[in-house]
Structures are given as structure tokens and as C-alpha cells.
């Protein structure tokens, strides 16, 4: 009988312990996605793949996120600006890494009321020096750049202009605050042929304006450099971007650092990148370009040599 009573006591203690485990207890790594599929889903999959086998990772969509889901985590990783906004508003008491977010969007996130928890980002934007270096490699005879500055891209376009002038480019700039101003701004920067560098500013370059931008640039014999492979497919001459796998690998390195007791790295541009080329547009403009692979390797070598 005594043995049965002792066994019963042990079982009751175990049951009490299990009941004390919070319903929200989950994996130490939480991925919050702005969109379940597409690039966001590919990036989440890439992060999981780049983490050590057996790593415990939970995944939620931004609309389903609540404060309870953030508790008990070691690090929260957001994918996309919608997810970043949702997490920032809840102020988790753990390190937060934002990915697939423009630098301007990161700057607009609500500041945490309490300091002490690391917040960092892997930006969507490519560094200005990298973009200008690509143009010099791909189009060595071009000496004029066109830049359109919008509400959220003033800092980036200023950096692009400075990097371009440092490499002895002439720079034509125009301000665009609304889509209605876009056509006039394009006419201002295309008084002579130039390379137009697109930036991730939704007020200037978005799904509604991009075809008009590309057509206007083409009529002025001016190539466009985009920031995603979709731009090259749509009619941009070049695209400079980082793939979900590359972002995932960089994010996974930051996650591993936190899980091992380290800190998040400072907010930074993507470390790895690829170049896209639209050969049909190159032929139409009478331009001879190296392959995308050759340009990527050349740009990587130039950065490694700095």
C-alpha cells in the first residue's frame, strides 16, 4: 500500500508540473511571416535549412500573432515589413531580427519603450557602392545616372548620388512625392540618356508604375537597374538582389549567435548577392553585356579586394 501511495504522489507531482507549463511554450526560434508563400515562405524555408539539424523552430503568420505567442522565445525573426510592424508593436522581451525589410521601413518601426533587448535587421536594399560598382562593371562607357527620390528613399538616393559622383558619374535627380509627379520627374532625369537606378520606395517604384517607368526609360534609350529578379524579367537591363537562400543563410548565422549566448550583429545590407541580366533588352539597346554569372563573380571579386 505504501508503494502505491508513493507512486500516486509521484504521478500527482508530475501532473502538477505538466499543468504549470504555459500553453504558449514553444520553440526557442519563432519566425513571423508577412506572407505565407512566395519569397517570404522561401526565406523561412531557407532559414530552417541553414540552421543545425533538429533545431526547434516555430512559424506564424503576422495576422495570427499575439503577445502570448512571443513569450518563452530566445529570438524572433520577422520576414517582410508587415511582420516587422506586427512584432515591433508587441515589443517582445527577446532579441528580434528583421529580414526582407527596406532600410527606410526599418527606420519607421516603433522604437521600443525599454532598452536592453537586441534589435537588428538584414535590409532589402543593396549598398549604394555595390550598385554603382555593378554599373561601372557592366556598362563601362556610361557616365550618367538617373535617380528618383521618394518619401522613403531620400537617404538611399543621396548615398547613391554620392557614390556615383565619387566614381565620376554625372547624376540627374528628381523628387517624386505622388504617382502623378512620376512622368514629369522621368522627363527631367532623361534629358539625356542615363542609367536609372530603381529603389525599394513604394511611392515611386511599385506594381502600378513599373511598366510606365520601364517604357519611358526604353524610349529614352536609358537602361534600368532593378532590385529584384522580377525587374529583369519585366524589362530592366540589370537587377542586383539577394536570394531567399542568401538571406536565410545570413539570418541563420545571427540566430546561431544568439542561441549560443552571443548578440545580434548590427543592422546591415545583405552580404551575398546575385546579378540578373535581360539579354533581350541589351540587344534592343545595342549593348554588349557579360553574363549574369560573370558580372556576379566580377562584383564579388571587386568587393573582396577592398
Protein backbone atom coordinates (compact mmCIF):
# COMPACT_ATOMS: atom_id res chain seq x y z
CA UNK A 1 0.00 0.00 0.00
CA UNK A 2 2.86 2.38 0.89
CA UNK A 3 4.43 1.80 -2.53
CA UNK A 4 1.11 2.59 -4.22
CA UNK A 5 0.77 5.80 -2.22
CA UNK A 6 4.31 6.87 -3.13
CA UNK A 7 3.62 6.12 -6.81
CA UNK A 8 0.40 8.10 -6.65
CA UNK A 9 2.24 11.05 -5.08
CA UNK A 10 4.84 10.98 -7.86
CA UNK A 11 2.14 10.89 -10.54
CA UNK A 12 0.32 13.82 -8.91
CA UNK A 13 3.54 15.83 -8.78
CA UNK A 14 4.22 15.14 -12.45
CA UNK A 15 0.68 16.14 -13.36
CA UNK A 16 1.03 19.38 -11.41
CA UNK A 17 4.32 20.11 -13.14
CA UNK A 18 2.84 19.49 -16.55
CA UNK A 19 -0.09 21.70 -15.76
CA UNK A 20 2.33 24.51 -14.86
CA UNK A 21 3.82 24.53 -18.38
CA UNK A 22 2.38 27.57 -20.18
CA UNK A 23 0.13 26.87 -23.14
CA UNK A 24 2.34 29.16 -25.23
CA UNK A 25 5.61 27.28 -24.55
CA UNK A 26 7.20 26.67 -27.92
CA UNK A 27 10.43 26.54 -29.87
CA UNK A 28 13.23 28.99 -28.96
CA UNK A 29 13.17 30.39 -32.53
CA UNK A 30 9.98 31.98 -33.85
CA UNK A 31 9.64 33.02 -37.50
CA UNK A 32 6.90 35.57 -38.22
CA UNK A 33 5.95 35.84 -41.89
CA UNK A 34 4.19 38.73 -43.58
CA UNK A 35 3.00 36.34 -46.30
CA UNK A 36 2.77 32.57 -46.09
CA UNK A 37 4.03 31.88 -49.60
CA UNK A 38 6.27 33.40 -52.23
CA UNK A 39 9.58 34.98 -51.25
CA UNK A 40 8.58 35.10 -47.57
CA UNK A 41 7.90 31.38 -47.47
CA UNK A 42 11.12 30.63 -49.38
CA UNK A 43 13.12 32.73 -46.92
CA UNK A 44 11.59 30.93 -43.94
CA UNK A 45 12.45 27.59 -45.51
CA UNK A 46 15.99 28.79 -46.22
CA UNK A 47 16.46 29.83 -42.57
CA UNK A 48 15.29 26.43 -41.36
CA UNK A 49 17.61 24.69 -43.83
CA UNK A 50 20.61 26.77 -42.76
CA UNK A 51 20.13 26.07 -39.04
CA UNK A 52 21.65 22.92 -37.48
CA UNK A 53 19.59 19.74 -37.99
CA UNK A 54 16.99 19.29 -35.30
CA UNK A 55 16.74 22.99 -34.45
CA UNK A 56 13.38 23.83 -32.88
CA UNK A 57 11.65 26.50 -34.95
CA UNK A 58 8.04 27.68 -34.88
CA UNK A 59 6.41 29.66 -37.66
CA UNK A 60 3.43 32.04 -37.57
CA UNK A 61 1.69 34.40 -39.98
CA UNK A 62 1.71 38.06 -38.91
CA UNK A 63 -2.12 38.34 -38.72
CA UNK A 64 -2.27 35.48 -36.17
CA UNK A 65 0.45 36.89 -33.93
CA UNK A 66 -0.34 37.88 -30.36
CA UNK A 67 1.69 38.74 -27.27
CA UNK A 68 1.31 35.24 -25.85
CA UNK A 69 2.94 33.66 -28.90
CA UNK A 70 6.09 35.72 -28.33
CA UNK A 71 6.67 34.54 -24.79
CA UNK A 72 9.24 31.88 -23.98
CA UNK A 73 11.28 32.51 -27.14
CA UNK A 74 15.02 33.06 -27.42
CA UNK A 75 14.81 35.05 -30.66
CA UNK A 76 12.08 36.28 -33.01
CA UNK A 77 12.79 36.65 -36.73
CA UNK A 78 10.44 38.66 -38.94
CA UNK A 79 10.18 38.20 -42.69
CA UNK A 80 8.80 41.21 -44.55
CA UNK A 81 7.70 44.67 -43.43
CA UNK A 82 4.21 43.57 -42.35
CA UNK A 83 5.66 41.02 -39.95
CA UNK A 84 8.23 43.55 -38.70
CA UNK A 85 5.49 46.05 -37.87
CA UNK A 86 3.38 43.43 -36.08
CA UNK A 87 6.28 42.27 -33.90
CA UNK A 88 7.59 45.77 -33.17
CA UNK A 89 4.19 46.85 -31.87
CA UNK A 90 4.18 43.96 -29.37
CA UNK A 91 7.73 44.69 -28.10
CA UNK A 92 8.94 41.14 -27.33
CA UNK A 93 11.39 40.85 -24.44
CA UNK A 94 13.90 38.92 -26.57
CA UNK A 95 16.24 39.73 -29.47
CA UNK A 96 14.45 40.48 -32.76
CA UNK A 97 15.94 40.13 -36.24
CA UNK A 98 14.04 41.76 -39.10
CA UNK A 99 14.61 40.46 -42.65
CA UNK A 100 13.28 41.39 -46.10
CA UNK A 101 12.66 44.96 -45.00
CA UNK A 102 13.86 48.16 -46.66
CA UNK A 103 16.16 50.28 -44.55
CA UNK A 104 13.64 53.14 -44.63
CA UNK A 105 10.91 50.77 -43.42
CA UNK A 106 13.12 49.61 -40.57
CA UNK A 107 13.71 53.23 -39.52
CA UNK A 108 9.94 53.80 -39.33
CA UNK A 109 9.29 50.90 -36.93
CA UNK A 110 8.10 51.97 -33.47
CA UNK A 111 11.02 52.36 -31.09
CA UNK A 112 10.96 50.02 -28.07
CA UNK A 113 9.99 51.73 -24.83
CA UNK A 114 12.52 49.65 -22.89
CA UNK A 115 16.13 49.25 -23.98
CA UNK A 116 18.20 46.15 -23.45
CA UNK A 117 16.87 43.64 -25.98
CA UNK A 118 18.78 43.43 -29.22
CA UNK A 119 17.04 44.54 -32.42
CA UNK A 120 18.71 44.18 -35.80
CA UNK A 121 17.94 43.75 -39.49
CA UNK A 122 19.12 42.36 -42.79
CA UNK A 123 17.99 45.01 -45.23
CA UNK A 124 16.37 44.52 -48.59
CA UNK A 125 18.43 47.39 -50.03
CA UNK A 126 21.76 46.71 -51.68
CA UNK A 127 24.59 49.09 -50.66
CA UNK A 128 24.99 52.17 -52.86
CA UNK A 129 28.64 51.38 -53.56
CA UNK A 130 27.72 47.90 -54.76
CA UNK A 131 25.09 49.23 -57.17
CA UNK A 132 27.41 51.85 -58.64
CA UNK A 133 30.22 49.28 -58.94
CA UNK A 134 27.89 46.98 -60.90
CA UNK A 135 27.02 49.75 -63.35
CA UNK A 136 30.70 50.53 -63.90
CA UNK A 137 31.47 46.85 -64.49
CA UNK A 138 28.53 46.16 -66.79
CA UNK A 139 28.44 49.48 -68.65
CA UNK A 140 31.94 50.97 -68.61
CA UNK A 141 31.07 53.60 -71.23
CA UNK A 142 28.11 55.03 -69.30
CA UNK A 143 28.78 58.22 -67.35
CA UNK A 144 25.31 59.40 -66.31
CA UNK A 145 22.97 58.08 -63.61
CA UNK A 146 19.32 58.98 -63.05
CA UNK A 147 17.77 58.84 -59.56
CA UNK A 148 14.18 59.36 -58.43
CA UNK A 149 13.82 60.24 -54.76
CA UNK A 150 10.57 59.44 -52.96
CA UNK A 151 9.21 59.84 -49.43
CA UNK A 152 11.10 56.82 -48.08
CA UNK A 153 14.20 56.79 -50.30
CA UNK A 154 15.80 60.21 -49.75
CA UNK A 155 18.68 58.79 -47.71
CA UNK A 156 19.36 55.94 -50.11
CA UNK A 157 19.27 58.13 -53.23
CA UNK A 158 21.62 60.61 -51.53
CA UNK A 159 24.06 57.76 -50.88
CA UNK A 160 23.71 56.57 -54.48
CA UNK A 161 24.37 60.07 -55.77
CA UNK A 162 27.46 60.43 -53.56
CA UNK A 163 28.83 57.02 -54.57
CA UNK A 164 28.18 57.78 -58.25
CA UNK A 165 29.94 61.15 -58.13
CA UNK A 166 32.86 59.56 -56.35
CA UNK A 167 33.17 57.28 -59.39
CA UNK A 168 32.96 60.33 -61.70
CA UNK A 169 29.38 59.84 -62.88
CA UNK A 170 27.10 62.74 -63.67
CA UNK A 171 23.90 62.44 -61.64
CA UNK A 172 20.41 63.62 -62.61
CA UNK A 173 17.89 63.65 -59.77
CA UNK A 174 14.19 64.40 -59.36
CA UNK A 175 11.78 64.25 -56.44
CA UNK A 176 8.57 62.18 -56.59
CA UNK A 177 6.06 62.52 -53.75
CA UNK A 178 3.00 61.13 -55.58
CA UNK A 179 2.49 58.91 -58.61
CA UNK A 180 1.09 61.90 -60.51
CA UNK A 181 4.54 63.50 -60.38
CA UNK A 182 6.31 60.48 -61.81
CA UNK A 183 6.02 61.25 -65.53
CA UNK A 184 7.38 64.79 -65.12
CA UNK A 185 10.22 63.50 -62.95
CA UNK A 186 11.19 60.96 -65.62
CA UNK A 187 11.28 63.69 -68.25
CA UNK A 188 13.57 65.73 -66.00
CA UNK A 189 16.14 62.98 -65.49
CA UNK A 190 16.05 61.75 -69.10
CA UNK A 191 17.02 64.99 -70.86
CA UNK A 192 19.97 62.81 -71.89
CA UNK A 193 20.27 59.00 -71.81
CA UNK A 194 21.19 57.72 -68.35
CA UNK A 195 21.08 54.58 -66.24
CA UNK A 196 18.05 54.73 -63.94
CA UNK A 197 18.61 53.04 -60.58
CA UNK A 198 15.33 51.82 -59.05
CA UNK A 199 15.00 51.86 -55.26
CA UNK A 200 12.58 50.00 -52.96
CA UNK A 201 10.38 53.07 -52.49
CA UNK A 202 6.73 52.05 -52.99
CA UNK A 203 5.67 55.62 -53.80
CA UNK A 204 7.92 55.61 -56.88
CA UNK A 205 8.50 52.02 -57.95
CA UNK A 206 5.54 49.69 -57.48
CA UNK A 207 3.43 47.22 -59.45
CA UNK A 208 1.33 50.06 -60.90
CA UNK A 209 4.18 52.30 -62.04
CA UNK A 210 6.93 49.94 -63.10
CA UNK A 211 5.74 49.31 -66.66
CA UNK A 212 5.45 53.04 -67.34
CA UNK A 213 8.89 53.60 -65.85
CA UNK A 214 10.46 50.86 -67.97
CA UNK A 215 8.75 52.00 -71.18
CA UNK A 216 9.70 55.64 -70.64
CA UNK A 217 13.30 54.68 -69.92
CA UNK A 218 13.42 52.46 -73.01
CA UNK A 219 12.11 55.27 -75.23
CA UNK A 220 14.92 57.47 -73.93
CA UNK A 221 17.49 54.72 -74.58
CA UNK A 222 18.14 54.56 -70.84
CA UNK A 223 18.68 51.19 -69.13
CA UNK A 224 17.15 50.46 -65.73
CA UNK A 225 18.82 48.67 -62.81
CA UNK A 226 16.25 46.96 -60.56
CA UNK A 227 16.39 45.47 -57.07
CA UNK A 228 14.74 42.09 -57.71
CA UNK A 229 14.81 39.40 -60.41
CA UNK A 230 11.25 40.43 -61.32
CA UNK A 231 12.62 43.73 -62.61
CA UNK A 232 14.94 41.99 -65.06
CA UNK A 233 12.08 39.79 -66.24
CA UNK A 234 9.83 42.83 -66.69
CA UNK A 235 12.32 44.77 -68.80
CA UNK A 236 15.12 46.18 -66.66
CA UNK A 237 18.56 45.69 -68.16
CA UNK A 238 20.11 44.63 -64.84
CA UNK A 239 18.96 43.57 -61.41
CA UNK A 240 21.01 43.39 -58.24
CA UNK A 241 19.43 41.38 -55.46
CA UNK A 242 19.89 38.73 -52.77
CA UNK A 243 18.07 35.41 -52.97
CA UNK A 244 15.95 33.90 -50.18
CA UNK A 245 18.70 31.29 -49.68
CA UNK A 246 21.32 34.01 -49.23
CA UNK A 247 19.20 36.00 -46.79
CA UNK A 248 18.32 32.77 -44.97
CA UNK A 249 21.98 31.85 -44.54
CA UNK A 250 22.85 35.28 -43.14
CA UNK A 251 19.84 35.21 -40.81
CA UNK A 252 20.69 31.71 -39.59
CA UNK A 253 24.20 32.85 -38.66
CA UNK A 254 22.71 35.61 -36.50
CA UNK A 255 20.24 33.15 -34.91
CA UNK A 256 23.03 30.72 -34.05
CA UNK A 257 24.97 33.53 -32.39
CA UNK A 258 22.02 34.41 -30.15
CA UNK A 259 21.28 30.79 -29.25
CA UNK A 260 24.92 30.35 -28.25
CA UNK A 261 24.74 33.30 -25.88
CA UNK A 262 26.01 35.99 -28.23
CA UNK A 263 24.45 39.19 -29.51
CA UNK A 264 22.81 40.10 -32.77
CA UNK A 265 25.09 41.77 -35.34
CA UNK A 266 24.34 45.42 -36.22
CA UNK A 267 21.72 46.12 -38.94
CA UNK A 268 23.35 45.52 -42.31
CA UNK A 269 22.88 45.07 -46.03
CA UNK A 270 22.88 41.55 -47.48
CA UNK A 271 26.34 40.02 -47.57
CA UNK A 272 25.70 37.80 -50.58
CA UNK A 273 24.04 38.83 -53.84
CA UNK A 274 23.35 37.94 -57.45
CA UNK A 275 23.10 39.86 -60.70
CA UNK A 276 20.31 39.40 -63.23
CA UNK A 277 20.61 40.36 -66.90
CA UNK A 278 17.91 40.81 -69.55
CA UNK A 279 19.73 39.87 -72.75
CA UNK A 280 16.78 40.92 -74.97
CA UNK A 281 16.80 44.44 -73.60
CA UNK A 282 20.58 44.60 -74.01
CA UNK A 283 20.26 43.67 -77.69
CA UNK A 284 17.44 46.18 -78.23
CA UNK A 285 19.58 48.95 -76.75
CA UNK A 286 22.63 47.85 -78.71
CA UNK A 287 24.59 46.97 -75.58
CA UNK A 288 27.01 44.11 -75.08
CA UNK A 289 26.95 42.67 -71.59
CA UNK A 290 28.78 39.90 -69.82
CA UNK A 291 26.63 37.07 -68.49
CA UNK A 292 24.88 37.40 -65.15
CA UNK A 293 27.24 34.83 -63.66
CA UNK A 294 30.34 36.66 -64.92
CA UNK A 295 29.10 40.01 -63.59
CA UNK A 296 28.29 38.44 -60.22
CA UNK A 297 31.78 36.96 -59.93
CA UNK A 298 33.44 40.21 -61.02
CA UNK A 299 31.45 42.22 -58.46
CA UNK A 300 32.28 39.71 -55.72
CA UNK A 301 35.99 39.99 -56.58
CA UNK A 302 35.87 43.79 -56.51
CA UNK A 303 34.30 43.76 -53.05
CA UNK A 304 36.76 41.17 -51.74
CA UNK A 305 39.64 43.35 -52.96
CA UNK A 306 38.54 46.42 -51.00
